[in-house]
Amino acid sequence: MEITIDKAVKMIQQSKKITFLTGAGVSTPSGVPDYRSLQGVYHGLEAPEYLLSNECLIHEPEKFYQFVKHLYHEKARPNIIHQAMAQMEKTKDVWVVSQNIDGLHAAAGSQHLVNFHGSLYDCYCRKCHQSVDWSEYLQSAQHEDCGGQIRPNIVLYGEGFEEAVIQQAIAAVRNAELVVIVGTSFQVHPFCDLIYEKSRDTNVLVINQTPIQLTGEYSFVQTNGTTVFEKV
């Protein structure tokens, strides 16, 4: 059912237990390109799926590194959507489960946060497993201490998900009286499967610029998330 922006705002305001499922559209107002824009980041023959794969990391580490460096947007700052979600934690039982790897929910102050696909700002050495500052990684993919390969702790194509992360995300959805899907086409598995974990009487609100495919009843407002969250 399509609803107005004001009705969407009211649904959020009146709910005490909310879980937000967020995608790239939440960060585009901060200047972070969405996934479709990755096609233009690397002017090679390979698709982003390969360049962000475990296979590329292992067999063509330099190509992987040069591509991943383009995903860092150091000047990006949390926008009203990130800020509003973080602020709501102070008065409501709020969780954010995000596909985004850009670290902006954390930068906004969200504590009840599940980075479903990891974070670019959490880096470690594959050889000695020591944590490495992300700024050091941007200077070199080789760990100064042991010569090992540094990588960001994100889920690459061809890699599995940590069970603990999946369970934390499931718990967040099960806890909600309102699940709000924001800024995502909601097609990437297993993230989109999280909706099946909601309680039967949990309401679902979708805030997106394009319609999404979703089974069951839900409210939909076709807009950029900023128009809703600046009023919450």
C-alpha atoms as a PDB file:
ATOM      1  CA  MET A   1       0.000   0.000   0.000  1.00  0.00           C
ATOM      2  CA  GLU A   2       1.433   3.359  -1.020  1.00  0.00           C
ATOM      3  CA  ILE A   3       1.309   6.005   1.696  1.00  0.00           C
ATOM      4  CA  THR A   4       2.278   9.649   2.152  1.00  0.00           C
ATOM      5  CA  ILE A   5       5.524  10.914   3.650  1.00  0.00           C
ATOM      6  CA  ASP A   6       3.597  12.240   6.656  1.00  0.00           C
ATOM      7  CA  LYS A   7       2.001   8.836   7.261  1.00  0.00           C
ATOM      8  CA  ALA A   8       5.450   7.196   7.132  1.00  0.00           C
ATOM      9  CA  VAL A   9       6.758   9.741   9.634  1.00  0.00           C
ATOM     10  CA  LYS A  10       3.820   9.006  11.938  1.00  0.00           C
ATOM     11  CA  MET A  11       4.428   5.240  11.759  1.00  0.00           C
ATOM     12  CA  ILE A  12       8.035   5.740  12.888  1.00  0.00           C
ATOM     13  CA  GLN A  13       7.147   8.260  15.582  1.00  0.00           C
ATOM     14  CA  GLN A  14       4.467   6.013  17.100  1.00  0.00           C
ATOM     15  CA  SER A  15       6.619   2.864  17.231  1.00  0.00           C
ATOM     16  CA  LYS A  16       8.774   2.012  20.231  1.00  0.00           C
ATOM     17  CA  LYS A  17      10.671  -0.989  18.833  1.00  0.00           C
ATOM     18  CA  ILE A  18      12.085  -0.308  15.381  1.00  0.00           C
ATOM     19  CA  THR A  19      14.625  -2.145  13.265  1.00  0.00           C
ATOM     20  CA  PHE A  20      15.954  -0.336  10.194  1.00  0.00           C
ATOM     21  CA  LEU A  21      17.265  -2.397   7.274  1.00  0.00           C
ATOM     22  CA  THR A  22      19.383   0.015   5.248  1.00  0.00           C
ATOM     23  CA  GLY A  23      21.087   0.013   1.871  1.00  0.00           C
ATOM     24  CA  ALA A  24      23.126   2.249  -0.408  1.00  0.00           C
ATOM     25  CA  GLY A  25      20.337   4.823  -0.823  1.00  0.00           C
ATOM     26  CA  VAL A  26      20.866   5.878   2.788  1.00  0.00           C
ATOM     27  CA  SER A  27      24.424   7.000   2.012  1.00  0.00           C
ATOM     28  CA  THR A  28      24.022   8.560  -1.428  1.00  0.00           C
ATOM     29  CA  PRO A  29      22.996  11.928   0.146  1.00  0.00           C
ATOM     30  CA  SER A  30      26.413  11.837   1.870  1.00  0.00           C
ATOM     31  CA  GLY A  31      28.143  11.563  -1.496  1.00  0.00           C
ATOM     32  CA  VAL A  32      28.784   7.812  -1.425  1.00  0.00           C
ATOM     33  CA  PRO A  33      27.930   6.280  -4.839  1.00  0.00           C
ATOM     34  CA  ASP A  34      25.446   3.423  -4.856  1.00  0.00           C
ATOM     35  CA  TYR A  35      26.334  -0.021  -6.145  1.00  0.00           C
ATOM     36  CA  ARG A  36      25.204   0.649  -9.713  1.00  0.00           C
ATOM     37  CA  SER A  37      27.785   3.428  -9.905  1.00  0.00           C
ATOM     38  CA  LEU A  38      30.610   0.979  -9.229  1.00  0.00           C
ATOM     39  CA  GLN A  39      30.548   0.128 -12.917  1.00  0.00           C
ATOM     40  CA  GLY A  40      32.302   3.407 -13.578  1.00  0.00           C
ATOM     41  CA  VAL A  41      34.833   3.182 -10.769  1.00  0.00           C
ATOM     42  CA  TYR A  42      37.135   0.771 -12.518  1.00  0.00           C
ATOM     43  CA  HIS A  43      37.619   1.121 -16.272  1.00  0.00           C
ATOM     44  CA  GLY A  44      38.536  -2.484 -16.907  1.00  0.00           C
ATOM     45  CA  LEU A  45      36.842  -5.494 -18.369  1.00  0.00           C
ATOM     46  CA  GLU A  46      35.882  -7.085 -15.073  1.00  0.00           C
ATOM     47  CA  ALA A  47      32.595  -6.544 -13.297  1.00  0.00           C
ATOM     48  CA  PRO A  48      32.601  -5.224  -9.724  1.00  0.00           C
ATOM     49  CA  GLU A  49      31.495  -8.683  -8.604  1.00  0.00           C
ATOM     50  CA  TYR A  50      34.895 -10.052  -9.592  1.00  0.00           C
ATOM     51  CA  LEU A  51      36.877  -7.093  -8.302  1.00  0.00           C
ATOM     52  CA  LEU A  52      35.186  -7.483  -4.916  1.00  0.00           C
ATOM     53  CA  SER A  53      35.670 -11.236  -4.799  1.00  0.00           C
ATOM     54  CA  ASN A  54      37.814 -13.520  -2.673  1.00  0.00           C
ATOM     55  CA  GLU A  55      39.216 -14.870  -5.919  1.00  0.00           C
ATOM     56  CA  CYS A  56      40.503 -11.442  -6.967  1.00  0.00           C
ATOM     57  CA  LEU A  57      41.907 -10.793  -3.462  1.00  0.00           C
ATOM     58  CA  ILE A  58      43.958 -14.010  -3.611  1.00  0.00           C
ATOM     59  CA  HIS A  59      44.964 -14.218  -7.270  1.00  0.00           C
ATOM     60  CA  GLU A  60      45.141 -10.564  -8.328  1.00  0.00           C
ATOM     61  CA  PRO A  61      45.754  -8.699  -5.066  1.00  0.00           C
ATOM     62  CA  GLU A  62      46.951  -5.497  -6.697  1.00  0.00           C
ATOM     63  CA  LYS A  63      43.858  -5.278  -8.896  1.00  0.00           C
ATOM     64  CA  PHE A  64      41.670  -5.907  -5.824  1.00  0.00           C
ATOM     65  CA  TYR A  65      43.513  -3.234  -3.856  1.00  0.00           C
ATOM     66  CA  GLN A  66      43.284  -0.583  -6.574  1.00  0.00           C
ATOM     67  CA  PHE A  67      39.536  -1.147  -6.869  1.00  0.00           C
ATOM     68  CA  VAL A  68      38.771  -1.222  -3.136  1.00  0.00           C
ATOM     69  CA  LYS A  69      40.664   2.033  -2.563  1.00  0.00           C
ATOM     70  CA  HIS A  70      38.014   3.738  -4.713  1.00  0.00           C
ATOM     71  CA  LEU A  71      35.318   2.637  -2.259  1.00  0.00           C
ATOM     72  CA  TYR A  72      36.695   4.840   0.531  1.00  0.00           C
ATOM     73  CA  HIS A  73      35.046   8.241   0.719  1.00  0.00           C
ATOM     74  CA  GLU A  74      36.976   9.926   3.504  1.00  0.00           C
ATOM     75  CA  LYS A  75      35.112  13.210   3.216  1.00  0.00           C
ATOM     76  CA  ALA A  76      31.662  11.622   3.480  1.00  0.00           C
ATOM     77  CA  ARG A  77      29.774  12.511   6.661  1.00  0.00           C
ATOM     78  CA  PRO A  78      26.581  11.063   8.157  1.00  0.00           C
ATOM     79  CA  ASN A  79      23.442  12.699   6.783  1.00  0.00           C
ATOM     80  CA  ILE A  80      20.036  13.296   8.388  1.00  0.00           C
ATOM     81  CA  ILE A  81      19.033   9.643   7.889  1.00  0.00           C
ATOM     82  CA  HIS A  82      22.033   8.252   9.801  1.00  0.00           C
ATOM     83  CA  GLN A  83      21.683  10.969  12.423  1.00  0.00           C
ATOM     84  CA  ALA A  84      17.959  10.449  13.002  1.00  0.00           C
ATOM     85  CA  MET A  85      18.376   6.684  13.437  1.00  0.00           C
ATOM     86  CA  ALA A  86      21.191   7.173  15.936  1.00  0.00           C
ATOM     87  CA  GLN A  87      19.203   9.821  17.824  1.00  0.00           C
ATOM     88  CA  MET A  88      16.166   7.516  18.121  1.00  0.00           C
ATOM     89  CA  GLU A  89      18.254   5.023  20.107  1.00  0.00           C
ATOM     90  CA  LYS A  90      18.116   7.430  23.025  1.00  0.00           C
ATOM     91  CA  THR A  91      14.344   7.145  23.436  1.00  0.00           C
ATOM     92  CA  LYS A  92      13.363   3.917  21.669  1.00  0.00           C
ATOM     93  CA  ASP A  93      14.481   0.302  21.250  1.00  0.00           C
ATOM     94  CA  VAL A  94      16.171   0.814  17.887  1.00  0.00           C
ATOM     95  CA  TRP A  95      18.455  -1.429  15.834  1.00  0.00           C
ATOM     96  CA  VAL A  96      20.104  -0.761  12.485  1.00  0.00           C
ATOM     97  CA  VAL A  97      21.073  -3.664  10.228  1.00  0.00           C
ATOM     98  CA  SER A  98      22.954  -2.284   7.234  1.00  0.00           C
ATOM     99  CA  GLN A  99      24.277  -3.628   3.953  1.00  0.00           C
ATOM    100  CA  ASN A 100      26.556  -0.598   3.757  1.00  0.00           C
ATOM    101  CA  ILE A 101      30.295  -0.904   4.369  1.00  0.00           C
ATOM    102  CA  ASP A 102      30.942   2.846   4.555  1.00  0.00           C
ATOM    103  CA  GLY A 103      30.961   3.226   8.359  1.00  0.00           C
ATOM    104  CA  LEU A 104      28.513   6.148   8.368  1.00  0.00           C
ATOM    105  CA  HIS A 105      25.971   4.616  10.769  1.00  0.00           C
ATOM    106  CA  ALA A 106      28.769   4.124  13.302  1.00  0.00           C
ATOM    107  CA  ALA A 107      30.073   7.632  12.665  1.00  0.00           C
ATOM    108  CA  ALA A 108      26.587   8.989  13.426  1.00  0.00           C
ATOM    109  CA  GLY A 109      26.671   7.242  16.790  1.00  0.00           C
ATOM    110  CA  SER A 110      24.490   4.163  16.275  1.00  0.00           C
ATOM    111  CA  GLN A 111      25.328   1.632  18.996  1.00  0.00           C
ATOM    112  CA  HIS A 112      22.767  -1.067  18.202  1.00  0.00           C
ATOM    113  CA  LEU A 113      24.305  -1.648  14.795  1.00  0.00           C
ATOM    114  CA  VAL A 114      24.870  -4.762  12.689  1.00  0.00           C
ATOM    115  CA  ASN A 115      27.203  -4.160   9.747  1.00  0.00           C
ATOM    116  CA  PHE A 116      25.847  -7.113   7.808  1.00  0.00           C
ATOM    117  CA  HIS A 117      28.538  -6.945   5.121  1.00  0.00           C
ATOM    118  CA  GLY A 118      31.304  -5.642   7.405  1.00  0.00           C
ATOM    119  CA  SER A 119      33.094  -2.294   7.316  1.00  0.00           C
ATOM    120  CA  LEU A 120      35.836  -0.779   5.183  1.00  0.00           C
ATOM    121  CA  TYR A 121      37.143   0.886   8.330  1.00  0.00           C
ATOM    122  CA  ASP A 122      37.897  -2.425  10.053  1.00  0.00           C
ATOM    123  CA  CYS A 123      41.109  -3.771   8.485  1.00  0.00           C
ATOM    124  CA  TYR A 124      43.434  -6.609   9.432  1.00  0.00           C
ATOM    125  CA  CYS A 125      46.472  -8.511   8.171  1.00  0.00           C
ATOM    126  CA  ARG A 126      45.738 -11.912   6.642  1.00  0.00           C
ATOM    127  CA  LYS A 127      49.138 -13.220   7.757  1.00  0.00           C
ATOM    128  CA  CYS A 128      49.435 -12.172  11.408  1.00  0.00           C
ATOM    129  CA  HIS A 129      45.731 -11.295  11.962  1.00  0.00           C
ATOM    130  CA  GLN A 130      46.680  -8.017  13.635  1.00  0.00           C
ATOM    131  CA  SER A 131      44.229  -5.121  13.317  1.00  0.00           C
ATOM    132  CA  VAL A 132      45.520  -2.392  11.021  1.00  0.00           C
ATOM    133  CA  ASP A 133      44.303   1.196  10.840  1.00  0.00           C
ATOM    134  CA  TRP A 134      42.368   1.834   7.632  1.00  0.00           C
ATOM    135  CA  SER A 135      44.492   4.906   6.852  1.00  0.00           C
ATOM    136  CA  GLU A 136      47.561   2.657   6.838  1.00  0.00           C
ATOM    137  CA  TYR A 137      45.789   0.319   4.423  1.00  0.00           C
ATOM    138  CA  LEU A 138      45.159   3.199   2.031  1.00  0.00           C
ATOM    139  CA  GLN A 139      48.921   3.816   1.946  1.00  0.00           C
ATOM    140  CA  SER A 140      49.840   0.187   1.275  1.00  0.00           C
ATOM    141  CA  ALA A 141      48.172  -3.231   1.168  1.00  0.00           C
ATOM    142  CA  GLN A 142      51.358  -4.782   2.605  1.00  0.00           C
ATOM    143  CA  HIS A 143      51.594  -4.955   6.385  1.00  0.00           C
ATOM    144  CA  GLU A 144      54.718  -3.153   7.560  1.00  0.00           C
ATOM    145  CA  ASP A 145      55.196  -5.465  10.571  1.00  0.00           C
ATOM    146  CA  CYS A 146      55.136  -8.858   8.840  1.00  0.00           C
ATOM    147  CA  GLY A 147      54.841  -8.268   5.110  1.00  0.00           C
ATOM    148  CA  GLY A 148      51.416  -9.902   5.003  1.00  0.00           C
ATOM    149  CA  GLN A 149      48.449  -8.740   2.938  1.00  0.00           C
ATOM    150  CA  ILE A 150      46.059  -6.278   4.565  1.00  0.00           C
ATOM    151  CA  ARG A 151      42.370  -6.447   3.738  1.00  0.00           C
ATOM    152  CA  PRO A 152      39.197  -4.744   4.925  1.00  0.00           C
ATOM    153  CA  ASN A 153      36.887  -6.906   7.023  1.00  0.00           C
ATOM    154  CA  ILE A 154      34.040  -6.979   4.500  1.00  0.00           C
ATOM    155  CA  VAL A 155      32.187  -9.951   3.040  1.00  0.00           C
ATOM    156  CA  LEU A 156      33.542 -10.543  -0.454  1.00  0.00           C
ATOM    157  CA  TYR A 157      31.876 -12.461  -3.253  1.00  0.00           C
ATOM    158  CA  GLY A 158      32.725 -16.113  -2.725  1.00  0.00           C
ATOM    159  CA  GLU A 159      32.946 -15.749   1.063  1.00  0.00           C
ATOM    160  CA  GLY A 160      30.456 -16.896   3.675  1.00  0.00           C
ATOM    161  CA  PHE A 161      28.820 -14.853   6.408  1.00  0.00           C
ATOM    162  CA  GLU A 162      29.723 -15.156  10.063  1.00  0.00           C
ATOM    163  CA  GLU A 163      26.957 -16.998  11.883  1.00  0.00           C
ATOM    164  CA  ALA A 164      27.146 -14.553  14.802  1.00  0.00           C
ATOM    165  CA  VAL A 165      26.391 -11.621  12.485  1.00  0.00           C
ATOM    166  CA  ILE A 166      23.414 -13.402  10.924  1.00  0.00           C
ATOM    167  CA  GLN A 167      22.018 -14.329  14.339  1.00  0.00           C
ATOM    168  CA  GLN A 168      22.404 -10.768  15.627  1.00  0.00           C
ATOM    169  CA  ALA A 169      20.551  -9.443  12.580  1.00  0.00           C
ATOM    170  CA  ILE A 170      17.781 -12.022  12.987  1.00  0.00           C
ATOM    171  CA  ALA A 171      17.386 -11.093  16.653  1.00  0.00           C
ATOM    172  CA  ALA A 172      17.074  -7.420  15.722  1.00  0.00           C
ATOM    173  CA  VAL A 173      14.280  -8.156  13.226  1.00  0.00           C
ATOM    174  CA  ARG A 174      12.434 -10.457  15.613  1.00  0.00           C
ATOM    175  CA  ASN A 175      12.553  -7.761  18.298  1.00  0.00           C
ATOM    176  CA  ALA A 176      10.828  -5.108  16.178  1.00  0.00           C
ATOM    177  CA  GLU A 177       7.219  -3.986  16.140  1.00  0.00           C
ATOM    178  CA  LEU A 178       8.106  -1.981  13.013  1.00  0.00           C
ATOM    179  CA  VAL A 179      10.663  -2.953  10.376  1.00  0.00           C
ATOM    180  CA  VAL A 180      11.700  -0.068   8.117  1.00  0.00           C
ATOM    181  CA  ILE A 181      13.469  -0.898   4.847  1.00  0.00           C
ATOM    182  CA  VAL A 182      15.321   2.185   3.607  1.00  0.00           C
ATOM    183  CA  GLY A 183      17.290   2.911   0.448  1.00  0.00           C
ATOM    184  CA  THR A 184      17.681  -0.584  -0.960  1.00  0.00           C
ATOM    185  CA  SER A 185      16.270  -2.605  -3.850  1.00  0.00           C
ATOM    186  CA  PHE A 186      16.210  -5.449  -1.300  1.00  0.00           C
ATOM    187  CA  GLN A 187      17.418  -8.114  -3.724  1.00  0.00           C
ATOM    188  CA  VAL A 188      20.731  -9.234  -2.208  1.00  0.00           C
ATOM    189  CA  HIS A 189      20.670 -12.517  -0.293  1.00  0.00           C
ATOM    190  CA  PRO A 190      20.822 -13.292   2.577  1.00  0.00           C
ATOM    191  CA  PHE A 191      20.117  -9.685   3.623  1.00  0.00           C
ATOM    192  CA  CYS A 192      16.683  -9.586   1.981  1.00  0.00           C
ATOM    193  CA  ASP A 193      15.753 -12.887   3.651  1.00  0.00           C
ATOM    194  CA  LEU A 194      15.870 -11.204   7.069  1.00  0.00           C
ATOM    195  CA  ILE A 195      12.309  -9.954   6.532  1.00  0.00           C
ATOM    196  CA  TYR A 196      11.033 -13.519   6.935  1.00  0.00           C
ATOM    197  CA  GLU A 197      12.208 -13.450  10.556  1.00  0.00           C
ATOM    198  CA  LYS A 198       9.764 -10.748  11.627  1.00  0.00           C
ATOM    199  CA  SER A 199       6.852 -11.513  13.917  1.00  0.00           C
ATOM    200  CA  ARG A 200       3.474 -11.995  12.281  1.00  0.00           C
ATOM    201  CA  ASP A 201       2.053  -8.768  13.724  1.00  0.00           C
ATOM    202  CA  THR A 202       5.122  -6.647  12.924  1.00  0.00           C
ATOM    203  CA  ASN A 203       4.427  -3.782  10.521  1.00  0.00           C
ATOM    204  CA  VAL A 204       6.722  -3.180   7.538  1.00  0.00           C
ATOM    205  CA  LEU A 205       7.478   0.237   6.048  1.00  0.00           C
ATOM    206  CA  VAL A 206       9.480   0.639   2.834  1.00  0.00           C
ATOM    207  CA  ILE A 207      11.111   3.989   2.036  1.00  0.00           C
ATOM    208  CA  ASN A 208      12.735   3.816  -1.386  1.00  0.00           C
ATOM    209  CA  GLN A 209      12.916   5.735  -4.644  1.00  0.00           C
ATOM    210  CA  THR A 210      11.791   2.699  -6.630  1.00  0.00           C
ATOM    211  CA  PRO A 211       9.264  -0.029  -5.725  1.00  0.00           C
ATOM    212  CA  ILE A 212      10.628  -3.316  -4.369  1.00  0.00           C
ATOM    213  CA  GLN A 213       9.401  -6.897  -4.540  1.00  0.00           C
ATOM    214  CA  LEU A 214       8.175  -8.034  -1.143  1.00  0.00           C
ATOM    215  CA  THR A 215       5.719 -10.709  -0.089  1.00  0.00           C
ATOM    216  CA  GLY A 216       3.060  -9.872   2.475  1.00  0.00           C
ATOM    217  CA  GLU A 217       1.507  -6.548   3.410  1.00  0.00           C
ATOM    218  CA  TYR A 218       3.651  -3.446   3.741  1.00  0.00           C
ATOM    219  CA  SER A 219       3.415   0.329   3.511  1.00  0.00           C
ATOM    220  CA  PHE A 220       5.461   2.015   0.786  1.00  0.00           C
ATOM    221  CA  VAL A 221       6.505   5.619   0.335  1.00  0.00           C
ATOM    222  CA  GLN A 222       8.330   6.355  -2.915  1.00  0.00           C
ATOM    223  CA  THR A 223      10.870   8.992  -1.959  1.00  0.00           C
ATOM    224  CA  ASN A 224      14.429   9.701  -0.912  1.00  0.00           C
ATOM    225  CA  GLY A 225      14.868   8.790   2.759  1.00  0.00           C
ATOM    226  CA  THR A 226      15.949  12.326   3.676  1.00  0.00           C
ATOM    227  CA  THR A 227      12.406  13.641   3.078  1.00  0.00           C
ATOM    228  CA  VAL A 228      11.095  11.290   5.778  1.00  0.00           C
ATOM    229  CA  PHE A 229      13.888  11.457   8.341  1.00  0.00           C
ATOM    230  CA  GLU A 230      14.160  15.228   8.386  1.00  0.00           C
ATOM    231  CA  LYS A 231      10.600  15.174   9.804  1.00  0.00           C
ATOM    232  CA  VAL A 232      10.942  12.304  12.283  1.00  0.00           C
END
